[in-house]
Amino acid sequence: MSIKVKVCIGTPCHLMGAQNLIDAVNKFNKKSNADIEIEAVSCLDECKGAPAVQVDGEIYAPTTPKELIDLIKIKL
């Protein structure tokens, strides 16, 4: 089962650590050999809650790399 992760890389999210989220997912994906599709998107309309991610259609904002990986683990 594929998990779809979208990470906002708009200015507020970028400034609040969006790249750390992308790096964490890529590292977890390689380590766990999970089927995770990651996509950087320009905006998820959650600027006040930056950084924002969407996991299988649900938006989470703000989130940390650890919280994002925990969400992914739950969905695996």
N, C-alpha and C. Protein backbone atom coordinates (compact mmCIF):
# COMPACT_ATOMS: atom_id res chain seq x y z
N MET A 1 0.84 -1.18 0.00
CA MET A 1 0.00 0.00 0.00
C MET A 1 0.88 1.24 0.00
N SER A 2 0.65 2.11 -0.93
CA SER A 2 1.44 3.33 -1.06
C SER A 2 0.87 4.43 -0.18
N ILE A 3 1.76 5.15 0.48
CA ILE A 3 1.37 6.30 1.28
C ILE A 3 1.80 7.54 0.50
N LYS A 4 0.88 8.49 0.36
CA LYS A 4 1.17 9.71 -0.38
C LYS A 4 1.39 10.86 0.60
N VAL A 5 2.57 11.46 0.52
CA VAL A 5 2.94 12.56 1.40
C VAL A 5 3.23 13.78 0.54
N LYS A 6 2.54 14.87 0.85
CA LYS A 6 2.82 16.15 0.20
C LYS A 6 3.36 17.09 1.26
N VAL A 7 4.49 17.72 0.95
CA VAL A 7 5.11 18.66 1.87
C VAL A 7 5.07 20.04 1.23
N CYS A 8 4.49 20.98 1.94
CA CYS A 8 4.45 22.35 1.45
C CYS A 8 5.85 22.94 1.51
N ILE A 9 6.26 23.58 0.41
CA ILE A 9 7.56 24.25 0.39
C ILE A 9 7.41 25.74 0.10
N GLY A 10 6.20 26.26 0.32
CA GLY A 10 5.98 27.71 0.20
C GLY A 10 6.85 28.43 1.22
N THR A 11 6.98 29.73 1.08
CA THR A 11 7.90 30.50 1.92
C THR A 11 7.73 30.25 3.42
N PRO A 12 6.52 30.37 4.00
CA PRO A 12 6.41 30.14 5.44
C PRO A 12 6.84 28.72 5.84
N CYS A 13 6.42 27.73 5.07
CA CYS A 13 6.78 26.35 5.40
C CYS A 13 8.27 26.11 5.21
N HIS A 14 8.82 26.68 4.15
CA HIS A 14 10.26 26.55 3.91
C HIS A 14 11.04 27.13 5.09
N LEU A 15 10.64 28.31 5.54
CA LEU A 15 11.34 28.97 6.65
C LEU A 15 11.18 28.21 7.96
N MET A 16 10.10 27.45 8.09
CA MET A 16 9.85 26.71 9.33
C MET A 16 10.33 25.26 9.28
N GLY A 17 11.04 24.88 8.21
CA GLY A 17 11.68 23.56 8.22
C GLY A 17 11.12 22.51 7.30
N ALA A 18 10.48 22.91 6.21
CA ALA A 18 9.91 21.93 5.28
C ALA A 18 10.97 20.96 4.75
N GLN A 19 12.17 21.45 4.49
CA GLN A 19 13.21 20.57 3.95
C GLN A 19 13.56 19.47 4.95
N ASN A 20 13.50 19.77 6.24
CA ASN A 20 13.76 18.74 7.26
C ASN A 20 12.71 17.63 7.19
N LEU A 21 11.47 18.00 6.86
CA LEU A 21 10.41 16.99 6.71
C LEU A 21 10.69 16.10 5.51
N ILE A 22 11.06 16.71 4.40
CA ILE A 22 11.38 15.95 3.19
C ILE A 22 12.55 15.01 3.44
N ASP A 23 13.59 15.53 4.08
CA ASP A 23 14.77 14.71 4.37
C ASP A 23 14.41 13.53 5.27
N ALA A 24 13.57 13.77 6.28
CA ALA A 24 13.18 12.71 7.21
C ALA A 24 12.40 11.60 6.49
N VAL A 25 11.49 11.99 5.61
CA VAL A 25 10.71 10.99 4.87
C VAL A 25 11.61 10.20 3.94
N ASN A 26 12.49 10.88 3.23
CA ASN A 26 13.41 10.17 2.32
C ASN A 26 14.30 9.20 3.08
N LYS A 27 14.80 9.61 4.23
CA LYS A 27 15.65 8.74 5.05
C LYS A 27 14.86 7.53 5.54
N PHE A 28 13.65 7.77 6.04
CA PHE A 28 12.80 6.68 6.53
C PHE A 28 12.44 5.73 5.39
N ASN A 29 12.15 6.29 4.23
CA ASN A 29 11.77 5.49 3.07
C ASN A 29 12.90 4.54 2.67
N LYS A 30 14.12 5.03 2.66
CA LYS A 30 15.27 4.18 2.31
C LYS A 30 15.53 3.12 3.38
N LYS A 31 15.43 3.54 4.63
CA LYS A 31 15.72 2.65 5.76
C LYS A 31 14.68 1.54 5.90
N SER A 32 13.41 1.88 5.70
CA SER A 32 12.33 0.92 5.94
C SER A 32 11.88 0.20 4.68
N ASN A 33 12.31 0.70 3.53
CA ASN A 33 11.89 0.14 2.25
C ASN A 33 10.37 0.21 2.08
N ALA A 34 9.78 1.25 2.68
CA ALA A 34 8.33 1.46 2.59
C ALA A 34 7.98 2.04 1.22
N ASP A 35 6.72 1.95 0.88
CA ASP A 35 6.24 2.49 -0.39
C ASP A 35 5.62 3.86 -0.13
N ILE A 36 6.47 4.89 -0.11
CA ILE A 36 6.03 6.24 0.19
C ILE A 36 6.28 7.13 -1.02
N GLU A 37 5.23 7.77 -1.49
CA GLU A 37 5.36 8.76 -2.56
C GLU A 37 5.43 10.12 -1.90
N ILE A 38 6.53 10.85 -2.12
CA ILE A 38 6.66 12.17 -1.53
C ILE A 38 6.68 13.20 -2.65
N GLU A 39 5.96 14.29 -2.39
CA GLU A 39 5.86 15.36 -3.38
C GLU A 39 5.98 16.70 -2.67
N ALA A 40 6.81 17.58 -3.20
CA ALA A 40 6.90 18.95 -2.70
C ALA A 40 5.85 19.76 -3.45
N VAL A 41 5.03 20.49 -2.71
CA VAL A 41 3.98 21.30 -3.32
C VAL A 41 4.15 22.76 -2.89
N SER A 42 3.64 23.66 -3.72
CA SER A 42 3.86 25.08 -3.45
C SER A 42 3.04 25.61 -2.28
N CYS A 43 1.87 25.04 -2.01
CA CYS A 43 1.07 25.54 -0.90
C CYS A 43 -0.03 24.55 -0.53
N LEU A 44 -0.28 24.43 0.77
CA LEU A 44 -1.39 23.63 1.28
C LEU A 44 -2.41 24.51 2.02
N ASP A 45 -2.27 25.83 1.88
CA ASP A 45 -3.17 26.80 2.51
C ASP A 45 -3.21 26.68 4.03
N GLU A 46 -2.06 26.39 4.63
CA GLU A 46 -1.96 26.28 6.09
C GLU A 46 -0.78 27.12 6.58
N CYS A 47 -0.62 28.31 6.01
CA CYS A 47 0.56 29.14 6.29
C CYS A 47 0.72 29.47 7.77
N LYS A 48 -0.38 29.64 8.49
CA LYS A 48 -0.29 29.96 9.92
C LYS A 48 0.19 28.77 10.74
N GLY A 49 0.11 27.57 10.16
CA GLY A 49 0.53 26.37 10.87
C GLY A 49 1.77 25.74 10.26
N ALA A 50 2.59 26.55 9.66
CA ALA A 50 3.78 26.02 8.96
C ALA A 50 4.74 25.32 9.92
N PRO A 51 5.38 24.26 9.46
CA PRO A 51 5.30 23.63 8.15
C PRO A 51 4.12 22.66 8.08
N ALA A 52 3.54 22.60 6.89
CA ALA A 52 2.35 21.78 6.68
C ALA A 52 2.65 20.59 5.77
N VAL A 53 1.97 19.49 6.07
CA VAL A 53 2.08 18.29 5.23
C VAL A 53 0.68 17.73 5.01
N GLN A 54 0.58 16.94 3.98
CA GLN A 54 -0.65 16.19 3.71
C GLN A 54 -0.27 14.73 3.58
N VAL A 55 -0.88 13.88 4.40
CA VAL A 55 -0.60 12.45 4.37
C VAL A 55 -1.90 11.74 4.01
N ASP A 56 -1.89 11.09 2.86
CA ASP A 56 -3.09 10.40 2.36
C ASP A 56 -4.33 11.27 2.44
N GLY A 57 -4.19 12.54 2.04
CA GLY A 57 -5.33 13.44 1.95
C GLY A 57 -5.65 14.24 3.19
N GLU A 58 -5.02 13.93 4.33
CA GLU A 58 -5.27 14.66 5.57
C GLU A 58 -4.13 15.63 5.82
N ILE A 59 -4.47 16.88 6.15
CA ILE A 59 -3.46 17.91 6.39
C ILE A 59 -3.11 17.96 7.87
N TYR A 60 -1.82 18.08 8.12
CA TYR A 60 -1.29 18.22 9.48
C TYR A 60 -0.39 19.44 9.50
N ALA A 61 -0.71 20.38 10.40
CA ALA A 61 0.10 21.60 10.49
C ALA A 61 -0.07 22.21 11.87
N PRO A 62 0.99 22.61 12.52
CA PRO A 62 2.37 22.34 12.13
C PRO A 62 2.75 20.90 12.46
N THR A 63 3.84 20.47 11.90
CA THR A 63 4.34 19.13 12.19
C THR A 63 5.86 19.13 12.24
N THR A 64 6.40 18.17 12.94
CA THR A 64 7.85 18.01 13.04
C THR A 64 8.23 16.74 12.27
N PRO A 65 9.52 16.58 11.97
CA PRO A 65 9.93 15.34 11.31
C PRO A 65 9.50 14.09 12.09
N LYS A 66 9.65 14.10 13.41
CA LYS A 66 9.27 12.93 14.22
C LYS A 66 7.77 12.67 14.13
N GLU A 67 6.98 13.73 14.23
CA GLU A 67 5.52 13.56 14.13
C GLU A 67 5.12 13.01 12.76
N LEU A 68 5.78 13.49 11.72
CA LEU A 68 5.47 13.02 10.37
C LEU A 68 5.81 11.54 10.21
N ILE A 69 6.97 11.14 10.69
CA ILE A 69 7.36 9.72 10.60
C ILE A 69 6.41 8.86 11.42
N ASP A 70 6.00 9.34 12.59
CA ASP A 70 5.03 8.59 13.41
C ASP A 70 3.70 8.42 12.67
N LEU A 71 3.25 9.47 11.98
CA LEU A 71 2.01 9.37 11.18
C LEU A 71 2.16 8.33 10.08
N ILE A 72 3.30 8.35 9.43
CA ILE A 72 3.55 7.38 8.35
C ILE A 72 3.56 5.96 8.90
N LYS A 73 4.21 5.76 10.04
CA LYS A 73 4.27 4.42 10.64
C LYS A 73 2.87 3.90 10.96
N ILE A 74 2.00 4.77 11.43
CA ILE A 74 0.63 4.37 11.75
C ILE A 74 -0.09 3.90 10.49
N LYS A 75 0.18 4.55 9.37
CA LYS A 75 -0.51 4.23 8.12
C LYS A 75 0.08 3.03 7.39
N LEU A 76 1.26 2.58 7.80
CA LEU A 76 1.89 1.43 7.14
C LEU A 76 1.20 0.13 7.52
